Amino acid sequence: MNGFDLLFVDFIYYFNVERDYFECHEVMEELWLEEGRNPLYQGLLQVAVALYHHRNGNVGGAIKLFSQGIEKLSFYPRQTMGIDLGKLVADAEAYLDKLLNIDEEPCEFYDLDIAIVHSELAAMVEELKAFPPAKQQEP
């Protein structure tokens, strides 16, 4: 038995491979609710939703959710749950800075990556490339 919840693995897959931030929200919200509303999961969810908002032109929503996600994630160790959380926080902070200055310098949407530092988690995400999880229906 592995130490990674399958919903967490799905989240990483949708974030890094599919770039489907709506689906990231769906699976992470389910895990967040199952795990007693863990702030780590909420912060990861908020970073994904920030990207979803920016991709859809909602800069204000992206700024708000990046800010909330960074605030929650900053309290955790740099390497947490098989990922380089410190790198994700730094990347989200850089993205947020760009969005805060968007009136002076345009910022086109771009994806972030969650660096995987645990071989078992990396293998589980790779396996999902061959056998992707079933998606929820977007409203």
C-alpha atoms as a PDB file:
ATOM      1  CA  MET A   1       0.000   0.000   0.000  1.00  0.00           C
ATOM      2  CA  ASN A   2       1.318   3.436  -0.893  1.00  0.00           C
ATOM      3  CA  GLY A   3       1.275   6.535   1.257  1.00  0.00           C
ATOM      4  CA  PHE A   4      -0.391   8.842  -1.276  1.00  0.00           C
ATOM      5  CA  ASP A   5      -4.138   9.337  -1.450  1.00  0.00           C
ATOM      6  CA  LEU A   6      -5.383   8.620  -4.971  1.00  0.00           C
ATOM      7  CA  LEU A   7      -7.212  11.950  -5.086  1.00  0.00           C
ATOM      8  CA  PHE A   8      -3.923  13.713  -4.346  1.00  0.00           C
ATOM      9  CA  VAL A   9      -2.269  11.791  -7.193  1.00  0.00           C
ATOM     10  CA  ASP A  10      -5.176  12.731  -9.479  1.00  0.00           C
ATOM     11  CA  PHE A  11      -4.702  16.378  -8.477  1.00  0.00           C
ATOM     12  CA  ILE A  12      -1.014  16.307  -9.405  1.00  0.00           C
ATOM     13  CA  TYR A  13      -1.867  14.597 -12.708  1.00  0.00           C
ATOM     14  CA  TYR A  14      -4.510  17.187 -13.629  1.00  0.00           C
ATOM     15  CA  PHE A  15      -2.196  20.036 -12.556  1.00  0.00           C
ATOM     16  CA  ASN A  16       1.012  18.904 -14.282  1.00  0.00           C
ATOM     17  CA  VAL A  17      -0.187  16.779 -17.197  1.00  0.00           C
ATOM     18  CA  GLU A  18      -3.700  17.759 -18.254  1.00  0.00           C
ATOM     19  CA  ARG A  19      -3.429  21.399 -17.074  1.00  0.00           C
ATOM     20  CA  ASP A  20      -7.094  21.055 -16.155  1.00  0.00           C
ATOM     21  CA  TYR A  21      -7.438  23.398 -13.197  1.00  0.00           C
ATOM     22  CA  PHE A  22     -11.193  22.924 -12.961  1.00  0.00           C
ATOM     23  CA  GLU A  23     -10.668  19.203 -12.447  1.00  0.00           C
ATOM     24  CA  CYS A  24      -7.883  19.978  -9.952  1.00  0.00           C
ATOM     25  CA  HIS A  25     -10.488  21.857  -7.958  1.00  0.00           C
ATOM     26  CA  GLU A  26     -12.956  19.009  -8.124  1.00  0.00           C
ATOM     27  CA  VAL A  27     -10.624  16.289  -6.875  1.00  0.00           C
ATOM     28  CA  MET A  28      -8.833  18.426  -4.295  1.00  0.00           C
ATOM     29  CA  GLU A  29     -12.077  19.735  -2.842  1.00  0.00           C
ATOM     30  CA  GLU A  30     -13.227  16.136  -2.380  1.00  0.00           C
ATOM     31  CA  LEU A  31      -9.950  15.258  -0.637  1.00  0.00           C
ATOM     32  CA  TRP A  32     -10.040  18.469   1.426  1.00  0.00           C
ATOM     33  CA  LEU A  33     -13.515  17.616   2.718  1.00  0.00           C
ATOM     34  CA  GLU A  34     -12.597  13.960   3.389  1.00  0.00           C
ATOM     35  CA  GLU A  35      -9.440  14.914   5.296  1.00  0.00           C
ATOM     36  CA  GLY A  36     -11.022  17.388   7.697  1.00  0.00           C
ATOM     37  CA  ARG A  37     -10.391  20.554   5.720  1.00  0.00           C
ATOM     38  CA  ASN A  38      -6.606  20.415   5.828  1.00  0.00           C
ATOM     39  CA  PRO A  39      -5.162  23.897   5.024  1.00  0.00           C
ATOM     40  CA  LEU A  40      -2.449  22.290   2.875  1.00  0.00           C
ATOM     41  CA  TYR A  41      -5.057  20.847   0.538  1.00  0.00           C
ATOM     42  CA  GLN A  42      -6.997  24.105   0.535  1.00  0.00           C
ATOM     43  CA  GLY A  43      -3.865  26.051  -0.397  1.00  0.00           C
ATOM     44  CA  LEU A  44      -3.082  23.693  -3.280  1.00  0.00           C
ATOM     45  CA  LEU A  45      -6.683  23.957  -4.425  1.00  0.00           C
ATOM     46  CA  GLN A  46      -6.501  27.763  -4.304  1.00  0.00           C
ATOM     47  CA  VAL A  47      -3.351  27.876  -6.460  1.00  0.00           C
ATOM     48  CA  ALA A  48      -5.061  25.678  -9.065  1.00  0.00           C
ATOM     49  CA  VAL A  49      -8.192  27.838  -9.028  1.00  0.00           C
ATOM     50  CA  ALA A  50      -6.047  30.973  -9.331  1.00  0.00           C
ATOM     51  CA  LEU A  51      -4.633  29.549 -12.562  1.00  0.00           C
ATOM     52  CA  TYR A  52      -8.148  28.637 -13.705  1.00  0.00           C
ATOM     53  CA  HIS A  53      -9.299  32.232 -13.105  1.00  0.00           C
ATOM     54  CA  HIS A  54      -6.328  33.798 -14.889  1.00  0.00           C
ATOM     55  CA  ARG A  55      -6.756  31.469 -17.875  1.00  0.00           C
ATOM     56  CA  ASN A  56     -10.388  32.642 -18.073  1.00  0.00           C
ATOM     57  CA  GLY A  57      -9.543  36.353 -17.820  1.00  0.00           C
ATOM     58  CA  ASN A  58     -10.505  36.877 -14.172  1.00  0.00           C
ATOM     59  CA  VAL A  59      -7.342  38.600 -12.931  1.00  0.00           C
ATOM     60  CA  GLY A  60      -8.998  39.804  -9.705  1.00  0.00           C
ATOM     61  CA  GLY A  61     -10.050  36.259  -8.817  1.00  0.00           C
ATOM     62  CA  ALA A  62      -6.571  34.959  -9.650  1.00  0.00           C
ATOM     63  CA  ILE A  63      -4.919  37.556  -7.404  1.00  0.00           C
ATOM     64  CA  LYS A  64      -7.259  36.760  -4.527  1.00  0.00           C
ATOM     65  CA  LEU A  65      -6.775  32.995  -4.762  1.00  0.00           C
ATOM     66  CA  PHE A  66      -3.019  33.128  -5.301  1.00  0.00           C
ATOM     67  CA  SER A  67      -2.768  35.333  -2.193  1.00  0.00           C
ATOM     68  CA  GLN A  68      -4.894  32.980  -0.089  1.00  0.00           C
ATOM     69  CA  GLY A  69      -3.126  29.857  -1.353  1.00  0.00           C
ATOM     70  CA  ILE A  70       0.371  31.272  -0.782  1.00  0.00           C
ATOM     71  CA  GLU A  71      -0.587  32.329   2.730  1.00  0.00           C
ATOM     72  CA  LYS A  72      -1.714  28.800   3.626  1.00  0.00           C
ATOM     73  CA  LEU A  73       1.145  26.945   1.914  1.00  0.00           C
ATOM     74  CA  SER A  74       3.943  29.119   3.286  1.00  0.00           C
ATOM     75  CA  PHE A  75       3.720  27.462   6.710  1.00  0.00           C
ATOM     76  CA  TYR A  76       4.589  23.971   5.455  1.00  0.00           C
ATOM     77  CA  PRO A  77       8.071  22.484   4.963  1.00  0.00           C
ATOM     78  CA  ARG A  78       9.643  23.032   1.546  1.00  0.00           C
ATOM     79  CA  GLN A  79       9.308  19.329   0.737  1.00  0.00           C
ATOM     80  CA  THR A  80       5.879  18.092   1.740  1.00  0.00           C
ATOM     81  CA  MET A  81       3.853  15.067   0.627  1.00  0.00           C
ATOM     82  CA  GLY A  82       6.289  14.105  -2.095  1.00  0.00           C
ATOM     83  CA  ILE A  83       6.340  17.536  -3.775  1.00  0.00           C
ATOM     84  CA  ASP A  84       8.640  20.562  -3.695  1.00  0.00           C
ATOM     85  CA  LEU A  85       6.090  22.838  -2.073  1.00  0.00           C
ATOM     86  CA  GLY A  86       8.684  25.574  -1.574  1.00  0.00           C
ATOM     87  CA  LYS A  87       9.203  25.823  -5.330  1.00  0.00           C
ATOM     88  CA  LEU A  88       5.462  25.951  -5.949  1.00  0.00           C
ATOM     89  CA  VAL A  89       5.062  28.743  -3.389  1.00  0.00           C
ATOM     90  CA  ALA A  90       7.953  30.701  -4.936  1.00  0.00           C
ATOM     91  CA  ASP A  91       6.502  30.220  -8.431  1.00  0.00           C
ATOM     92  CA  ALA A  92       3.033  31.287  -7.230  1.00  0.00           C
ATOM     93  CA  GLU A  93       4.526  34.376  -5.549  1.00  0.00           C
ATOM     94  CA  ALA A  94       6.292  35.336  -8.800  1.00  0.00           C
ATOM     95  CA  TYR A  95       3.032  34.812 -10.718  1.00  0.00           C
ATOM     96  CA  LEU A  96       1.122  36.914  -8.190  1.00  0.00           C
ATOM     97  CA  ASP A  97       3.690  39.731  -8.489  1.00  0.00           C
ATOM     98  CA  LYS A  98       3.174  39.739 -12.259  1.00  0.00           C
ATOM     99  CA  LEU A  99      -0.601  39.887 -11.847  1.00  0.00           C
ATOM    100  CA  LEU A 100      -0.340  42.719  -9.318  1.00  0.00           C
ATOM    101  CA  ASN A 101       1.595  44.725 -11.925  1.00  0.00           C
ATOM    102  CA  ILE A 102      -0.536  43.735 -14.902  1.00  0.00           C
ATOM    103  CA  ASP A 103      -1.580  47.347 -15.614  1.00  0.00           C
ATOM    104  CA  GLU A 104       2.063  48.342 -16.141  1.00  0.00           C
ATOM    105  CA  GLU A 105       3.223  45.150 -17.840  1.00  0.00           C
ATOM    106  CA  PRO A 106       0.816  42.639 -19.411  1.00  0.00           C
ATOM    107  CA  CYS A 107       1.000  39.081 -18.114  1.00  0.00           C
ATOM    108  CA  GLU A 108      -0.186  36.336 -20.381  1.00  0.00           C
ATOM    109  CA  PHE A 109      -1.466  33.146 -18.796  1.00  0.00           C
ATOM    110  CA  TYR A 110       1.120  30.427 -18.243  1.00  0.00           C
ATOM    111  CA  ASP A 111       1.073  27.109 -16.429  1.00  0.00           C
ATOM    112  CA  LEU A 112       2.922  26.277 -13.239  1.00  0.00           C
ATOM    113  CA  ASP A 113       4.391  22.878 -12.423  1.00  0.00           C
ATOM    114  CA  ILE A 114       4.378  20.989  -9.154  1.00  0.00           C
ATOM    115  CA  ALA A 115       7.837  19.444  -8.851  1.00  0.00           C
ATOM    116  CA  ILE A 116       7.559  15.852  -7.647  1.00  0.00           C
ATOM    117  CA  VAL A 117      10.395  14.785  -5.337  1.00  0.00           C
ATOM    118  CA  HIS A 118       9.187  11.329  -4.306  1.00  0.00           C
ATOM    119  CA  SER A 119       9.767   8.461  -6.763  1.00  0.00           C
ATOM    120  CA  GLU A 120       6.591   6.605  -5.782  1.00  0.00           C
ATOM    121  CA  LEU A 121       4.432   9.684  -6.379  1.00  0.00           C
ATOM    122  CA  ALA A 122       6.177  10.286  -9.714  1.00  0.00           C
ATOM    123  CA  ALA A 123       5.497   6.674 -10.752  1.00  0.00           C
ATOM    124  CA  MET A 124       1.829   6.957  -9.768  1.00  0.00           C
ATOM    125  CA  VAL A 125       1.423  10.129 -11.866  1.00  0.00           C
ATOM    126  CA  GLU A 126       3.190   8.438 -14.793  1.00  0.00           C
ATOM    127  CA  GLU A 127       0.775   5.520 -14.537  1.00  0.00           C
ATOM    128  CA  LEU A 128      -2.148   7.928 -14.864  1.00  0.00           C
ATOM    129  CA  LYS A 129      -0.782   9.056 -18.215  1.00  0.00           C
ATOM    130  CA  ALA A 130      -1.548   5.552 -19.511  1.00  0.00           C
ATOM    131  CA  PHE A 131      -4.792   5.169 -17.548  1.00  0.00           C
ATOM    132  CA  PRO A 132      -6.262   8.661 -16.917  1.00  0.00           C
ATOM    133  CA  PRO A 133      -8.851   9.087 -14.156  1.00  0.00           C
ATOM    134  CA  ALA A 134     -12.478   9.839 -15.033  1.00  0.00           C
ATOM    135  CA  LYS A 135     -13.288  13.554 -15.050  1.00  0.00           C
ATOM    136  CA  GLN A 136     -16.187  15.367 -13.445  1.00  0.00           C
ATOM    137  CA  GLN A 137     -18.461  17.407 -15.704  1.00  0.00           C
ATOM    138  CA  GLU A 138     -17.642  21.122 -15.825  1.00  0.00           C
ATOM    139  CA  PRO A 139     -20.708  23.364 -15.407  1.00  0.00           C
END
